[in-house]
Amino acid sequence: MSSLPSIAPIPPSPRHNPATGEHWYPRPLRRASAISVATLLTPDERLRVDAAGQGLYATLHRETLDDLLRELRARPVAAVLLSTATLARSGGREAARVAELVRGFPQVQTVALVSEMDGVTPQTVLALGGSGVRKLIDTRRPGGWGALREALSSDEPIDLRQHVVTTLARDLEGAPDGCLRFFAALFTAPTEVTTVRGLAVVIGVLPTTLMSRFFRMRLPAPKRYLALARLVRAARMLENPGCTLTAVAHFLEYSSAQSFGRHVRNVLGVSPTTLRRRYGAVALFDRFRAELVLPYREALCRFTPYGR
């Protein structure tokens, strides 16, 4: 999977706020973390999968399919790795339930991993195919582990962050680096960043400075950008029918599902159920662009939260 474009770091020299006399150091924007991959593997396979994915993905190893489903409901996961050996040892019971996972999380790539062969492996592979698993990696052959890395890195539809950054870079061609950093932060900041104050800390400016610069450029308030960006991230999770509204609210740091519902109604004027039915993440991001980017392109191409 592609990573976010490189953004030049801010020089670490202190800045001065003349209103308060305060000196402070800007904080560079965090890089996006490795993608999350949930697994149901044998102990030996876990070690080898961890080694093969170093620098590309972070593994979430689980013991049962129920544990795996709970993980998928609780957080965004890019892919699932299922060991044919582990499923075979369950007597075929777990393999028959894989269809529940595939139906409930169609946006999550599901990959079957073959690292050993016994008499029931062919039946297990057939059961996985019948459950909807369409990708099989045989790590016994030369290049198998490289094929696994390639399979996980080439699944572009799950990379919402890359789509956002590249699209906005095209929309705002010629805009200052600081403007693009602001938009990157909206979609890549940790989920606990729920306020403009928290966002300002991430991109390295004072909150009052951030808000005043938006006001001076006659742009919408930064809280509008943050509110709709959080819902784009929510829409990505809700593309999976197995993900509940409560899980989305919890992951994105809303106080409750009811609080999430109020936020959806205030920002979009629809219910969370309508959000799920009407908008995928890309469609809602297009609305973000139509409301908050394209009408203000001229101003944004001259805007930076860092000043001169």
Protein backbone atom coordinates (compact mmCIF):
# COMPACT_ATOMS: atom_id res chain seq x y z
CA MET A 1 0.00 0.00 0.00
CA SER A 2 1.26 3.44 -0.85
CA SER A 3 2.28 5.73 1.96
CA LEU A 4 1.45 9.38 2.37
CA PRO A 5 3.52 11.74 0.25
CA SER A 6 6.60 13.07 1.98
CA ILE A 7 6.03 16.49 3.54
CA ALA A 8 8.98 18.69 4.32
CA PRO A 9 9.49 18.98 8.10
CA ILE A 10 9.09 22.29 9.90
CA PRO A 11 12.39 23.75 11.07
CA PRO A 12 12.70 23.16 14.83
CA SER A 13 13.39 26.81 15.66
CA PRO A 14 11.18 28.37 18.36
CA ARG A 15 8.30 30.67 17.47
CA HIS A 16 7.04 33.66 19.37
CA ASN A 17 3.50 34.74 20.19
CA PRO A 18 3.66 38.54 20.65
CA ALA A 19 0.29 38.63 22.41
CA THR A 20 1.43 36.41 25.28
CA GLY A 21 5.20 36.54 25.01
CA GLU A 22 5.18 32.76 24.72
CA HIS A 23 7.90 30.85 22.85
CA TRP A 24 6.99 27.44 21.55
CA TYR A 25 8.21 24.75 19.16
CA PRO A 26 6.03 23.47 16.32
CA ARG A 27 5.46 19.74 16.21
CA PRO A 28 5.89 17.92 12.88
CA LEU A 29 2.87 16.15 11.44
CA ARG A 30 2.81 12.47 12.38
CA ARG A 31 3.30 9.99 9.64
CA ALA A 32 0.55 7.49 8.98
CA SER A 33 1.15 4.26 10.86
CA ALA A 34 1.53 0.85 9.24
CA ILE A 35 -1.70 -0.78 8.12
CA SER A 36 -3.39 -3.18 10.56
CA VAL A 37 -3.70 -6.85 9.58
CA ALA A 38 -5.72 -9.23 11.76
CA THR A 39 -4.70 -12.88 11.72
CA LEU A 40 -5.77 -16.39 12.66
CA LEU A 41 -2.49 -18.30 12.34
CA THR A 42 -0.40 -21.04 13.89
CA PRO A 43 2.39 -19.89 16.28
CA ASP A 44 5.07 -20.57 13.67
CA GLU A 45 3.15 -18.67 10.99
CA ARG A 46 2.79 -15.69 13.31
CA LEU A 47 6.54 -15.34 13.62
CA ARG A 48 7.09 -15.58 9.89
CA VAL A 49 4.22 -13.22 9.03
CA ASP A 50 5.59 -10.65 11.48
CA ALA A 51 9.04 -10.91 9.90
CA ALA A 52 7.68 -10.66 6.36
CA GLY A 53 5.57 -7.60 7.13
CA GLN A 54 8.16 -5.51 8.93
CA GLY A 55 7.68 -1.89 7.93
CA LEU A 56 4.50 -2.59 5.94
CA TYR A 57 1.84 -3.80 8.35
CA ALA A 58 1.17 -4.29 12.07
CA THR A 59 -0.33 -7.66 12.98
CA LEU A 60 -3.21 -8.27 15.38
CA HIS A 61 -2.95 -11.99 16.17
CA ARG A 62 -6.13 -13.62 17.47
CA GLU A 63 -6.91 -17.12 18.75
CA THR A 64 -10.41 -17.76 17.35
CA LEU A 65 -12.69 -16.53 14.60
CA ASP A 66 -14.92 -14.93 17.24
CA ASP A 67 -11.93 -12.93 18.48
CA LEU A 68 -11.18 -11.94 14.90
CA LEU A 69 -14.74 -10.73 14.30
CA ARG A 70 -14.66 -8.68 17.50
CA GLU A 71 -11.45 -7.03 16.30
CA LEU A 72 -12.98 -6.15 12.94
CA ARG A 73 -16.02 -4.61 14.62
CA ALA A 74 -13.88 -2.54 16.97
CA ARG A 75 -11.39 -0.84 14.60
CA PRO A 76 -10.47 -0.38 10.93
CA VAL A 77 -8.45 -3.34 9.67
CA ALA A 78 -6.93 -3.45 6.20
CA ALA A 79 -6.75 -7.22 5.77
CA VAL A 80 -7.31 -10.60 7.40
CA LEU A 81 -4.92 -13.54 7.13
CA LEU A 82 -6.42 -17.00 7.68
CA SER A 83 -4.24 -20.06 8.08
CA THR A 84 -5.56 -23.17 6.35
CA ALA A 85 -3.72 -25.22 8.99
CA THR A 86 -5.50 -23.46 11.88
CA LEU A 87 -8.89 -23.78 10.21
CA ALA A 88 -8.30 -27.45 9.40
CA ARG A 89 -7.50 -28.22 13.04
CA SER A 90 -10.90 -26.87 14.06
CA GLY A 91 -12.50 -29.74 12.16
CA GLY A 92 -13.84 -27.42 9.48
CA ARG A 93 -16.14 -25.54 11.86
CA GLU A 94 -14.25 -22.24 11.63
CA ALA A 95 -13.84 -22.49 7.84
CA ALA A 96 -17.62 -22.76 7.45
CA ARG A 97 -18.05 -19.51 9.43
CA VAL A 98 -15.62 -17.52 7.32
CA ALA A 99 -18.54 -16.53 5.08
CA GLU A 100 -19.86 -14.44 8.00
CA LEU A 101 -16.61 -12.50 8.02
CA VAL A 102 -16.50 -12.01 4.24
CA ARG A 103 -20.13 -10.85 4.06
CA GLY A 104 -19.85 -8.56 7.06
CA PHE A 105 -16.59 -6.88 6.01
CA PRO A 106 -16.42 -6.71 2.21
CA GLN A 107 -13.94 -3.79 2.31
CA VAL A 108 -11.44 -5.91 4.25
CA GLN A 109 -9.20 -8.06 2.07
CA THR A 110 -9.30 -11.70 3.23
CA VAL A 111 -6.29 -13.85 2.36
CA ALA A 112 -5.86 -17.59 2.94
CA LEU A 113 -2.33 -18.66 3.85
CA VAL A 114 -0.96 -22.14 3.06
CA SER A 115 2.28 -22.95 4.87
CA GLU A 116 1.86 -26.71 5.29
CA MET A 117 -0.03 -29.44 3.51
CA ASP A 118 -1.88 -32.44 4.93
CA GLY A 119 -4.80 -34.61 3.93
CA VAL A 120 -7.51 -32.08 4.81
CA THR A 121 -5.86 -28.98 3.34
CA PRO A 122 -7.60 -29.30 -0.09
CA GLN A 123 -11.02 -29.54 1.59
CA THR A 124 -10.22 -26.52 3.74
CA VAL A 125 -9.19 -24.50 0.69
CA LEU A 126 -12.41 -25.48 -1.09
CA ALA A 127 -14.46 -24.46 1.97
CA LEU A 128 -12.73 -21.07 2.05
CA GLY A 129 -13.44 -20.55 -1.64
CA GLY A 130 -17.08 -21.39 -1.03
CA SER A 131 -17.15 -18.84 1.79
CA GLY A 132 -16.02 -16.07 -0.54
CA VAL A 133 -12.24 -15.99 0.01
CA ARG A 134 -10.70 -15.14 -3.37
CA LYS A 135 -7.00 -14.84 -2.58
CA LEU A 136 -4.67 -17.72 -1.66
CA ILE A 137 -0.95 -17.37 -0.89
CA ASP A 138 1.22 -20.52 -0.84
CA THR A 139 4.24 -19.65 1.31
CA ARG A 140 5.85 -23.06 0.67
CA ARG A 141 6.93 -21.99 -2.80
CA PRO A 142 9.79 -19.60 -3.57
CA GLY A 143 8.64 -16.03 -3.39
CA GLY A 144 5.58 -16.86 -1.28
CA TRP A 145 6.30 -14.36 1.45
CA GLY A 146 7.09 -11.69 -1.12
CA ALA A 147 3.75 -12.45 -2.77
CA LEU A 148 2.06 -11.87 0.58
CA ARG A 149 3.67 -8.44 0.94
CA GLU A 150 2.70 -7.57 -2.61
CA ALA A 151 -0.90 -8.69 -2.09
CA LEU A 152 -1.27 -6.52 1.00
CA SER A 153 0.48 -3.49 -0.47
CA SER A 154 -1.45 -3.43 -3.74
CA ASP A 155 -4.98 -3.29 -2.35
CA GLU A 156 -5.59 0.38 -3.19
CA PRO A 157 -9.35 0.62 -2.42
CA ILE A 158 -8.69 0.38 1.32
CA ASP A 159 -6.22 3.29 1.28
CA LEU A 160 -8.56 6.21 1.88
CA ARG A 161 -5.73 8.35 3.28
CA GLN A 162 -3.71 8.13 0.07
CA HIS A 163 -6.79 8.93 -2.04
CA VAL A 164 -7.48 12.01 0.09
CA VAL A 165 -3.95 13.36 -0.05
CA THR A 166 -3.41 12.83 -3.77
CA THR A 167 -6.83 14.25 -4.69
CA LEU A 168 -6.37 17.38 -2.58
CA ALA A 169 -2.85 17.88 -3.92
CA ARG A 170 -4.38 17.92 -7.40
CA ASP A 171 -7.27 20.20 -6.37
CA LEU A 172 -4.89 22.64 -4.66
CA GLU A 173 -1.96 22.50 -7.04
CA GLY A 174 0.44 25.29 -6.16
CA ALA A 175 -0.89 25.72 -2.61
CA PRO A 176 1.67 26.30 0.18
CA ASP A 177 3.07 23.26 1.92
CA GLY A 178 1.39 24.32 5.16
CA CYS A 179 -2.05 24.18 3.52
CA LEU A 180 -1.49 20.59 2.37
CA ARG A 181 -0.18 19.66 5.82
CA PHE A 182 -3.41 20.92 7.36
CA PHE A 183 -5.55 18.74 5.07
CA ALA A 184 -3.31 15.70 5.56
CA ALA A 185 -3.68 16.11 9.33
CA LEU A 186 -7.48 16.10 9.08
CA PHE A 187 -7.48 12.53 7.79
CA THR A 188 -4.38 11.05 9.43
CA ALA A 189 -4.37 12.55 12.93
CA PRO A 190 -4.95 10.10 15.81
CA THR A 191 -8.65 9.46 16.46
CA GLU A 192 -8.43 11.21 19.84
CA VAL A 193 -7.96 14.50 17.97
CA THR A 194 -11.58 15.66 18.15
CA THR A 195 -11.19 19.43 18.57
CA VAL A 196 -9.48 22.29 16.75
CA ARG A 197 -7.22 22.69 19.77
CA GLY A 198 -6.03 19.09 19.41
CA LEU A 199 -5.60 19.48 15.65
CA ALA A 200 -3.52 22.62 16.17
CA VAL A 201 -1.17 20.70 18.47
CA VAL A 202 -0.71 18.00 15.81
CA ILE A 203 0.20 20.41 13.01
CA GLY A 204 2.25 22.65 15.31
CA VAL A 205 0.44 25.99 15.60
CA LEU A 206 -1.34 27.80 18.38
CA PRO A 207 -5.12 27.20 18.30
CA THR A 208 -5.90 30.93 18.31
CA THR A 209 -3.46 31.45 15.45
CA LEU A 210 -5.04 28.66 13.41
CA MET A 211 -8.56 30.02 13.84
CA SER A 212 -7.60 33.64 13.18
CA ARG A 213 -5.80 32.76 9.95
CA PHE A 214 -8.87 30.93 8.64
CA PHE A 215 -10.97 33.96 9.57
CA ARG A 216 -8.63 36.43 7.86
CA MET A 217 -8.70 34.40 4.64
CA ARG A 218 -12.53 34.23 4.83
CA LEU A 219 -12.45 30.46 4.88
CA PRO A 220 -14.94 28.24 6.75
CA ALA A 221 -14.02 27.67 10.39
CA PRO A 222 -11.48 24.86 10.89
CA LYS A 223 -13.98 23.00 13.07
CA ARG A 224 -16.17 22.52 9.97
CA TYR A 225 -13.28 20.89 8.14
CA LEU A 226 -12.53 18.65 11.12
CA ALA A 227 -16.17 17.68 11.68
CA LEU A 228 -16.74 16.55 8.11
CA ALA A 229 -13.33 14.83 7.87
CA ARG A 230 -14.20 12.72 10.94
CA LEU A 231 -17.41 11.63 9.24
CA VAL A 232 -15.49 10.63 6.11
CA ARG A 233 -13.44 8.31 8.33
CA ALA A 234 -16.67 7.03 9.90
CA ALA A 235 -18.17 6.38 6.47
CA ARG A 236 -15.18 4.19 5.60
CA MET A 237 -15.84 1.98 8.64
CA LEU A 238 -19.58 1.85 7.90
CA GLU A 239 -18.95 0.46 4.42
CA ASN A 240 -18.63 -2.87 6.24
CA PRO A 241 -22.10 -4.13 7.27
CA GLY A 242 -20.57 -5.99 10.22
CA CYS A 243 -19.37 -2.75 11.81
CA THR A 244 -21.92 -1.24 14.19
CA LEU A 245 -22.67 2.44 14.81
CA THR A 246 -21.62 1.95 18.42
CA ALA A 247 -18.22 0.59 17.34
CA VAL A 248 -17.67 3.55 15.02
CA ALA A 249 -18.62 6.02 17.74
CA HIS A 250 -16.25 4.35 20.20
CA PHE A 251 -13.32 4.18 17.78
CA LEU A 252 -13.65 7.83 16.71
CA GLU A 253 -13.85 9.01 20.33
CA TYR A 254 -17.51 10.10 20.44
CA SER A 255 -18.93 9.84 23.93
CA SER A 256 -21.74 7.52 22.79
CA ALA A 257 -23.62 6.28 19.76
CA GLN A 258 -26.21 8.96 20.50
CA SER A 259 -23.52 11.65 20.44
CA PHE A 260 -22.29 10.30 17.11
CA GLY A 261 -25.85 10.39 15.77
CA ARG A 262 -26.29 14.03 16.81
CA HIS A 263 -23.01 14.93 15.14
CA VAL A 264 -24.11 13.26 11.89
CA ARG A 265 -27.42 15.12 11.93
CA ASN A 266 -25.80 18.48 12.71
CA VAL A 267 -23.15 18.20 10.01
CA LEU A 268 -24.96 16.31 7.23
CA GLY A 269 -28.64 16.74 8.10
CA VAL A 270 -29.28 12.98 7.90
CA SER A 271 -29.45 10.08 10.33
CA PRO A 272 -26.52 7.68 10.83
CA THR A 273 -28.55 4.98 9.07
CA THR A 274 -28.96 7.26 6.04
CA LEU A 275 -25.25 8.08 6.19
CA ARG A 276 -24.48 4.38 5.94
CA ARG A 277 -26.93 3.82 3.09
CA ARG A 278 -26.18 6.94 1.04
CA TYR A 279 -22.47 7.61 1.45
CA GLY A 280 -19.34 5.57 1.02
CA ALA A 281 -16.13 7.21 2.19
CA VAL A 282 -15.13 8.40 -1.29
CA ALA A 283 -18.62 9.84 -1.96
CA LEU A 284 -18.60 11.72 1.34
CA PHE A 285 -15.07 12.96 0.67
CA ASP A 286 -16.35 14.33 -2.65
CA ARG A 287 -18.98 16.24 -0.66
CA PHE A 288 -16.16 17.51 1.60
CA ARG A 289 -14.37 18.83 -1.48
CA ALA A 290 -17.53 20.32 -2.98
CA GLU A 291 -18.43 22.20 0.20
CA LEU A 292 -15.09 23.11 1.77
CA VAL A 293 -12.34 22.95 -0.86
CA LEU A 294 -13.34 23.73 -4.43
CA PRO A 295 -15.40 26.89 -3.69
CA TYR A 296 -12.43 28.29 -1.74
CA ARG A 297 -9.64 27.10 -4.01
CA GLU A 298 -8.27 30.58 -4.74
CA ALA A 299 -8.01 31.44 -1.04
CA LEU A 300 -6.64 28.02 -0.08
CA CYS A 301 -3.89 28.29 -2.69
CA ARG A 302 -2.66 31.34 -0.73
CA PHE A 303 -3.31 29.93 2.73
CA THR A 304 -0.95 28.45 5.29
CA PRO A 305 -1.61 27.99 9.02
CA TYR A 306 2.02 28.87 9.73
CA GLY A 307 2.04 32.40 8.34
CA ARG A 308 5.15 33.58 6.58
